[in-house]
């Protein structure tokens, strides 16, 4: 199975299956964990996570189950995370800096 097929299977079809089951069994709350990579996705993983978020948004409009999504950013070990950079700076005794004025 290719990475694209795996991402579609896990993130999109997996989310749809879980949403269908949550409705079937009248689950009170459903929380999907997503990633900051779903914002303006640049790769398959980010795009499929965004599709999963859209499934959750749509389902929340017409279900008694309360659906929500939580996005995490800078997850340890993920591509593009600042954590390894910060770790190296700390080991070197250097200051941590934020490179964009709008980042908090």
C-alpha atoms as a PDB file:
ATOM      1  CA  UNK A   1       0.000   0.000   0.000  1.00  0.00           C
ATOM      2  CA  UNK A   2       1.410   3.416  -0.944  1.00  0.00           C
ATOM      3  CA  UNK A   3       1.753   6.262   1.544  1.00  0.00           C
ATOM      4  CA  UNK A   4      -1.039   8.101  -0.260  1.00  0.00           C
ATOM      5  CA  UNK A   5      -3.378   5.128   0.040  1.00  0.00           C
ATOM      6  CA  UNK A   6      -2.404   4.665   3.673  1.00  0.00           C
ATOM      7  CA  UNK A   7      -3.058   8.339   4.476  1.00  0.00           C
ATOM      8  CA  UNK A   8      -6.452   8.205   2.761  1.00  0.00           C
ATOM      9  CA  UNK A   9      -7.370   4.955   4.501  1.00  0.00           C
ATOM     10  CA  UNK A  10      -6.318   6.069   7.978  1.00  0.00           C
ATOM     11  CA  UNK A  11      -7.207   9.755   8.007  1.00  0.00           C
ATOM     12  CA  UNK A  12     -10.242  10.016   5.726  1.00  0.00           C
ATOM     13  CA  UNK A  13     -11.907   6.597   5.675  1.00  0.00           C
ATOM     14  CA  UNK A  14     -10.949   5.920   9.287  1.00  0.00           C
ATOM     15  CA  UNK A  15     -12.513   9.199  10.400  1.00  0.00           C
ATOM     16  CA  UNK A  16     -15.672   8.513   8.402  1.00  0.00           C
ATOM     17  CA  UNK A  17     -15.983   5.023   9.910  1.00  0.00           C
ATOM     18  CA  UNK A  18     -15.562   6.351  13.447  1.00  0.00           C
ATOM     19  CA  UNK A  19     -18.060   9.168  12.840  1.00  0.00           C
ATOM     20  CA  UNK A  20     -20.614   6.685  11.509  1.00  0.00           C
ATOM     21  CA  UNK A  21     -20.157   4.509  14.602  1.00  0.00           C
ATOM     22  CA  UNK A  22     -20.357   7.501  16.952  1.00  0.00           C
ATOM     23  CA  UNK A  23     -23.714   8.441  15.441  1.00  0.00           C
ATOM     24  CA  UNK A  24     -24.958   4.861  15.420  1.00  0.00           C
ATOM     25  CA  UNK A  25     -24.202   4.400  19.117  1.00  0.00           C
ATOM     26  CA  UNK A  26     -25.260   7.948  20.057  1.00  0.00           C
ATOM     27  CA  UNK A  27     -21.882   8.962  21.473  1.00  0.00           C
ATOM     28  CA  UNK A  28     -22.155  12.214  23.439  1.00  0.00           C
ATOM     29  CA  UNK A  29     -18.814  13.777  22.382  1.00  0.00           C
ATOM     30  CA  UNK A  30     -16.256  12.990  19.699  1.00  0.00           C
ATOM     31  CA  UNK A  31     -12.825  14.656  19.694  1.00  0.00           C
ATOM     32  CA  UNK A  32     -10.574  14.258  16.678  1.00  0.00           C
ATOM     33  CA  UNK A  33      -6.880  15.001  17.137  1.00  0.00           C
ATOM     34  CA  UNK A  34      -5.431  16.760  14.110  1.00  0.00           C
ATOM     35  CA  UNK A  35      -2.236  18.616  13.283  1.00  0.00           C
ATOM     36  CA  UNK A  36      -1.109  22.090  12.308  1.00  0.00           C
ATOM     37  CA  UNK A  37      -0.130  20.489   8.984  1.00  0.00           C
ATOM     38  CA  UNK A  38      -3.857  20.569   8.073  1.00  0.00           C
ATOM     39  CA  UNK A  39      -3.663  24.368   7.721  1.00  0.00           C
ATOM     40  CA  UNK A  40      -2.815  25.143   4.086  1.00  0.00           C
ATOM     41  CA  UNK A  41      -1.559  21.576   3.566  1.00  0.00           C
ATOM     42  CA  UNK A  42       1.542  21.047   1.456  1.00  0.00           C
ATOM     43  CA  UNK A  43       1.619  17.258   1.535  1.00  0.00           C
ATOM     44  CA  UNK A  44      -0.680  14.240   1.480  1.00  0.00           C
ATOM     45  CA  UNK A  45      -0.738  13.820   5.255  1.00  0.00           C
ATOM     46  CA  UNK A  46      -1.783  17.438   5.792  1.00  0.00           C
ATOM     47  CA  UNK A  47      -4.387  17.255   3.027  1.00  0.00           C
ATOM     48  CA  UNK A  48      -5.965  14.074   4.386  1.00  0.00           C
ATOM     49  CA  UNK A  49      -5.991  15.495   7.915  1.00  0.00           C
ATOM     50  CA  UNK A  50      -7.795  18.557   6.520  1.00  0.00           C
ATOM     51  CA  UNK A  51     -10.341  16.300   4.809  1.00  0.00           C
ATOM     52  CA  UNK A  52     -10.889  14.512   8.118  1.00  0.00           C
ATOM     53  CA  UNK A  53     -11.453  17.877   9.804  1.00  0.00           C
ATOM     54  CA  UNK A  54     -14.048  18.753   7.161  1.00  0.00           C
ATOM     55  CA  UNK A  55     -15.849  15.464   7.850  1.00  0.00           C
ATOM     56  CA  UNK A  56     -15.994  16.417  11.540  1.00  0.00           C
ATOM     57  CA  UNK A  57     -17.190  19.969  10.789  1.00  0.00           C
ATOM     58  CA  UNK A  58     -19.952  18.724   8.508  1.00  0.00           C
ATOM     59  CA  UNK A  59     -21.064  15.996  10.912  1.00  0.00           C
ATOM     60  CA  UNK A  60     -21.237  18.472  13.798  1.00  0.00           C
ATOM     61  CA  UNK A  61     -23.834  20.489  11.861  1.00  0.00           C
ATOM     62  CA  UNK A  62     -26.377  17.683  11.706  1.00  0.00           C
ATOM     63  CA  UNK A  63     -25.860  15.293  14.593  1.00  0.00           C
ATOM     64  CA  UNK A  64     -26.782  15.026  18.243  1.00  0.00           C
ATOM     65  CA  UNK A  65     -23.164  14.012  18.893  1.00  0.00           C
ATOM     66  CA  UNK A  66     -20.923  16.998  19.662  1.00  0.00           C
ATOM     67  CA  UNK A  67     -17.997  16.756  17.228  1.00  0.00           C
ATOM     68  CA  UNK A  68     -14.821  18.782  17.627  1.00  0.00           C
ATOM     69  CA  UNK A  69     -11.247  18.880  16.380  1.00  0.00           C
ATOM     70  CA  UNK A  70      -8.100  19.794  18.288  1.00  0.00           C
ATOM     71  CA  UNK A  71      -4.955  20.754  16.387  1.00  0.00           C
ATOM     72  CA  UNK A  72      -1.509  20.305  17.848  1.00  0.00           C
ATOM     73  CA  UNK A  73       1.528  22.160  16.538  1.00  0.00           C
ATOM     74  CA  UNK A  74       5.221  21.403  16.806  1.00  0.00           C
ATOM     75  CA  UNK A  75       4.721  17.787  17.765  1.00  0.00           C
ATOM     76  CA  UNK A  76       7.965  16.138  18.798  1.00  0.00           C
ATOM     77  CA  UNK A  77       9.325  14.120  15.895  1.00  0.00           C
ATOM     78  CA  UNK A  78       7.101  15.656  13.223  1.00  0.00           C
ATOM     79  CA  UNK A  79       8.511  17.235  10.074  1.00  0.00           C
ATOM     80  CA  UNK A  80       8.988  20.972  10.382  1.00  0.00           C
ATOM     81  CA  UNK A  81       8.831  20.996  14.185  1.00  0.00           C
ATOM     82  CA  UNK A  82      10.861  23.690  15.932  1.00  0.00           C
ATOM     83  CA  UNK A  83      11.499  21.398  18.897  1.00  0.00           C
ATOM     84  CA  UNK A  84      14.786  19.923  17.541  1.00  0.00           C
ATOM     85  CA  UNK A  85      16.008  23.444  16.733  1.00  0.00           C
ATOM     86  CA  UNK A  86      15.141  24.694  20.219  1.00  0.00           C
ATOM     87  CA  UNK A  87      16.779  21.629  21.766  1.00  0.00           C
ATOM     88  CA  UNK A  88      20.030  22.286  19.893  1.00  0.00           C
ATOM     89  CA  UNK A  89      20.018  25.959  20.907  1.00  0.00           C
ATOM     90  CA  UNK A  90      19.501  25.051  24.563  1.00  0.00           C
ATOM     91  CA  UNK A  91      22.338  22.486  24.443  1.00  0.00           C
ATOM     92  CA  UNK A  92      24.601  25.161  22.952  1.00  0.00           C
ATOM     93  CA  UNK A  93      23.609  27.676  25.644  1.00  0.00           C
ATOM     94  CA  UNK A  94      22.152  30.036  23.040  1.00  0.00           C
ATOM     95  CA  UNK A  95      18.981  32.118  23.248  1.00  0.00           C
ATOM     96  CA  UNK A  96      15.709  30.843  21.815  1.00  0.00           C
ATOM     97  CA  UNK A  97      14.254  33.270  19.307  1.00  0.00           C
ATOM     98  CA  UNK A  98      10.913  33.498  17.566  1.00  0.00           C
ATOM     99  CA  UNK A  99      11.485  34.275  13.914  1.00  0.00           C
ATOM    100  CA  UNK A 100       8.137  35.829  13.012  1.00  0.00           C
ATOM    101  CA  UNK A 101       6.662  38.879  14.785  1.00  0.00           C
ATOM    102  CA  UNK A 102       3.135  37.392  14.795  1.00  0.00           C
ATOM    103  CA  UNK A 103       4.155  34.104  16.442  1.00  0.00           C
ATOM    104  CA  UNK A 104       3.482  33.940  20.177  1.00  0.00           C
END
